[in-house]
Amino acid sequence: MATDEQKQKNLDHLTNDVITAFAKGLYDLFEDSALAVIRTVGSTLLTDMEQKMGLEIAGEKAQDILTEIGRLLVDEYGLSQDMTIAVDDDQINITVKNCRMWSIASNLGKEDIPPFTCVPMMMASAALYERAGTKSKFESIKQDEETKSCYVAFRTN
């Protein structure tokens, strides 16, 4: 029988496989229109964070909003080892180190599918739109296989 640690690793692997398959299926059916789910999923996650984690971001500056979301994703959810967010005018860059959902973006990228399942990107997009009234557009994701780090860039209008 597997140890609790091995069970958690197996569950993480299974969850990542399911999310990857759903994302691929959506993209196969709807192509780039599938990206429209980003803000909806991000909004759902954001609302959950507000209700369960006490996240309060109304009226805050973009940098403060995104930094707090990143902190909660690392400290309370254990999504990654570390996350940094830099806001420079209309450019937003998110660095996620050792993400537990690494394989999803990696596998989608191998199929030339945008990584629209990236949790920090979805939540940042929803928070900026719903709480700060700012629209954003995904630009790119770069992955470092060695460190299991992602570098996500998007721009606000």
Protein backbone atom coordinates (compact mmCIF):
# COMPACT_ATOMS: atom_id res chain seq x y z
CA MET A 1 0.00 0.00 0.00
CA ALA A 2 1.24 3.48 -0.86
CA THR A 3 2.42 5.90 1.82
CA ASP A 4 0.45 9.10 2.40
CA GLU A 5 3.18 11.03 0.57
CA GLN A 6 3.03 8.66 -2.41
CA LYS A 7 -0.77 8.83 -2.43
CA GLN A 8 -0.54 12.66 -2.62
CA LYS A 9 1.92 12.43 -5.52
CA ASN A 10 -0.33 9.92 -7.29
CA LEU A 11 -3.38 12.15 -6.73
CA ASP A 12 -1.48 15.20 -8.04
CA HIS A 13 -0.50 13.21 -11.14
CA LEU A 14 -4.07 12.01 -11.70
CA THR A 15 -5.50 15.51 -11.20
CA ASN A 16 -2.98 17.00 -13.63
CA ASP A 17 -3.81 14.33 -16.22
CA VAL A 18 -7.56 14.98 -15.90
CA ILE A 19 -7.13 18.76 -16.21
CA THR A 20 -4.81 18.32 -19.19
CA ALA A 21 -7.29 16.03 -20.94
CA PHE A 22 -10.21 18.41 -20.31
CA ALA A 23 -8.20 21.39 -21.54
CA LYS A 24 -7.12 19.51 -24.66
CA GLY A 25 -10.71 18.41 -25.29
CA LEU A 26 -12.01 21.98 -24.94
CA TYR A 27 -9.31 23.28 -27.23
CA ASP A 28 -9.93 20.53 -29.80
CA LEU A 29 -13.62 21.46 -29.86
CA PHE A 30 -13.42 25.24 -29.69
CA GLU A 31 -9.82 26.18 -30.62
CA ASP A 32 -8.92 29.69 -29.41
CA SER A 33 -12.51 30.28 -28.26
CA ALA A 34 -11.74 27.83 -25.43
CA LEU A 35 -9.56 30.58 -23.93
CA ALA A 36 -12.77 32.39 -22.96
CA VAL A 37 -12.96 30.13 -19.89
CA ILE A 38 -9.90 31.84 -18.37
CA ARG A 39 -11.79 34.66 -16.70
CA THR A 40 -14.72 32.44 -15.64
CA VAL A 41 -12.50 29.87 -13.95
CA GLY A 42 -10.31 32.60 -12.48
CA SER A 43 -13.38 34.35 -11.10
CA THR A 44 -14.61 31.16 -9.45
CA LEU A 45 -11.21 30.59 -7.82
CA LEU A 46 -11.01 34.23 -6.75
CA THR A 47 -14.46 34.13 -5.13
CA ASP A 48 -13.46 30.95 -3.29
CA MET A 49 -10.31 32.65 -2.00
CA GLU A 50 -12.32 35.63 -0.82
CA GLN A 51 -14.86 33.46 1.00
CA LYS A 52 -12.50 30.85 2.48
CA MET A 53 -9.22 32.71 2.87
CA GLY A 54 -10.48 36.20 3.65
CA LEU A 55 -8.88 37.73 0.57
CA GLU A 56 -9.81 41.41 0.37
CA ILE A 57 -8.70 43.20 -2.78
CA ALA A 58 -11.42 45.70 -3.65
CA GLY A 59 -9.89 49.09 -4.38
CA GLU A 60 -6.29 47.86 -4.14
CA LYS A 61 -3.50 48.55 -6.64
CA ALA A 62 -2.75 45.87 -9.23
CA GLN A 63 0.64 45.00 -7.70
CA ASP A 64 -0.91 44.56 -4.23
CA ILE A 65 -3.82 42.49 -5.55
CA LEU A 66 -1.57 40.12 -7.48
CA THR A 67 1.03 39.85 -4.73
CA GLU A 68 -1.61 38.80 -2.20
CA ILE A 69 -3.08 36.24 -4.60
CA GLY A 70 0.42 34.86 -5.19
CA ARG A 71 1.11 34.68 -1.46
CA LEU A 72 -2.09 32.73 -0.84
CA LEU A 73 -1.40 30.35 -3.72
CA VAL A 74 2.02 29.56 -2.23
CA ASP A 75 1.40 29.75 1.54
CA GLU A 76 -2.15 28.44 1.82
CA TYR A 77 -2.62 26.19 -1.23
CA GLY A 78 0.95 25.00 -1.77
CA LEU A 79 0.59 25.48 -5.53
CA SER A 80 4.27 26.27 -5.90
CA GLN A 81 7.44 26.77 -3.96
CA ASP A 82 7.57 30.50 -4.71
CA MET A 83 5.80 33.05 -6.87
CA THR A 84 6.80 36.58 -7.81
CA ILE A 85 4.68 39.09 -9.63
CA ALA A 86 5.96 42.23 -11.29
CA VAL A 87 3.68 44.97 -12.60
CA ASP A 88 5.31 47.56 -14.83
CA ASP A 89 2.74 49.93 -16.34
CA ASP A 90 0.66 47.62 -18.55
CA GLN A 91 3.04 44.65 -18.48
CA ILE A 92 2.55 41.90 -15.88
CA ASN A 93 5.07 39.11 -15.38
CA ILE A 94 4.48 36.17 -13.08
CA THR A 95 7.24 33.75 -12.13
CA VAL A 96 6.10 30.48 -10.61
CA LYS A 97 8.82 28.22 -9.19
CA ASN A 98 8.36 24.49 -8.85
CA CYS A 99 4.64 24.49 -9.68
CA ARG A 100 2.66 21.41 -8.72
CA MET A 101 0.66 21.79 -11.95
CA TRP A 102 3.79 22.01 -14.11
CA SER A 103 2.94 19.04 -16.29
CA ILE A 104 -0.36 20.55 -17.48
CA ALA A 105 1.19 23.60 -19.15
CA SER A 106 4.08 21.47 -20.39
CA ASN A 107 1.82 18.85 -21.98
CA LEU A 108 -0.47 21.47 -23.52
CA GLY A 109 2.57 23.29 -24.91
CA LYS A 110 3.76 20.09 -26.58
CA GLU A 111 0.42 20.06 -28.44
CA ASP A 112 0.69 23.78 -29.35
CA ILE A 113 -2.21 24.61 -27.05
CA PRO A 114 -1.96 27.84 -25.04
CA PRO A 115 -1.61 27.14 -21.30
CA PHE A 116 -5.04 28.48 -20.45
CA THR A 117 -5.16 26.32 -17.32
CA CYS A 118 -2.43 28.35 -15.55
CA VAL A 119 -3.99 29.15 -12.16
CA PRO A 120 -1.97 32.32 -11.38
CA MET A 121 -2.71 33.71 -14.84
CA MET A 122 -6.45 32.91 -14.59
CA MET A 123 -6.75 34.45 -11.14
CA ALA A 124 -4.72 37.54 -12.06
CA SER A 125 -6.86 38.10 -15.14
CA ALA A 126 -10.12 37.77 -13.16
CA ALA A 127 -8.89 39.94 -10.27
CA LEU A 128 -7.74 42.73 -12.54
CA TYR A 129 -10.95 42.68 -14.54
CA GLU A 130 -13.50 42.23 -11.74
CA ARG A 131 -11.83 44.08 -8.89
CA ALA A 132 -9.72 46.71 -10.68
CA GLY A 133 -11.75 47.17 -13.89
CA THR A 134 -8.74 46.35 -16.08
CA LYS A 135 -8.83 43.97 -19.04
CA SER A 136 -5.79 41.83 -19.74
CA LYS A 137 -4.47 39.67 -22.55
CA PHE A 138 -2.22 36.63 -22.22
CA GLU A 139 1.03 37.11 -24.14
CA SER A 140 3.33 34.19 -23.44
CA ILE A 141 4.51 31.46 -21.17
CA LYS A 142 8.05 30.16 -21.01
CA GLN A 143 8.97 27.08 -19.07
CA ASP A 144 12.26 26.00 -17.57
CA GLU A 145 12.30 22.20 -17.47
CA GLU A 146 15.25 22.05 -15.10
CA THR A 147 13.73 24.20 -12.35
CA LYS A 148 10.07 23.45 -13.16
CA SER A 149 9.52 27.21 -13.34
CA CYS A 150 7.05 29.11 -15.51
CA TYR A 151 7.32 32.69 -16.67
CA VAL A 152 3.90 34.02 -17.59
CA ALA A 153 3.48 37.39 -19.27
CA PHE A 154 0.33 39.30 -20.03
CA ARG A 155 -0.58 42.86 -20.77
CA THR A 156 -3.39 45.07 -19.51
CA ASN A 157 -5.21 47.63 -21.64
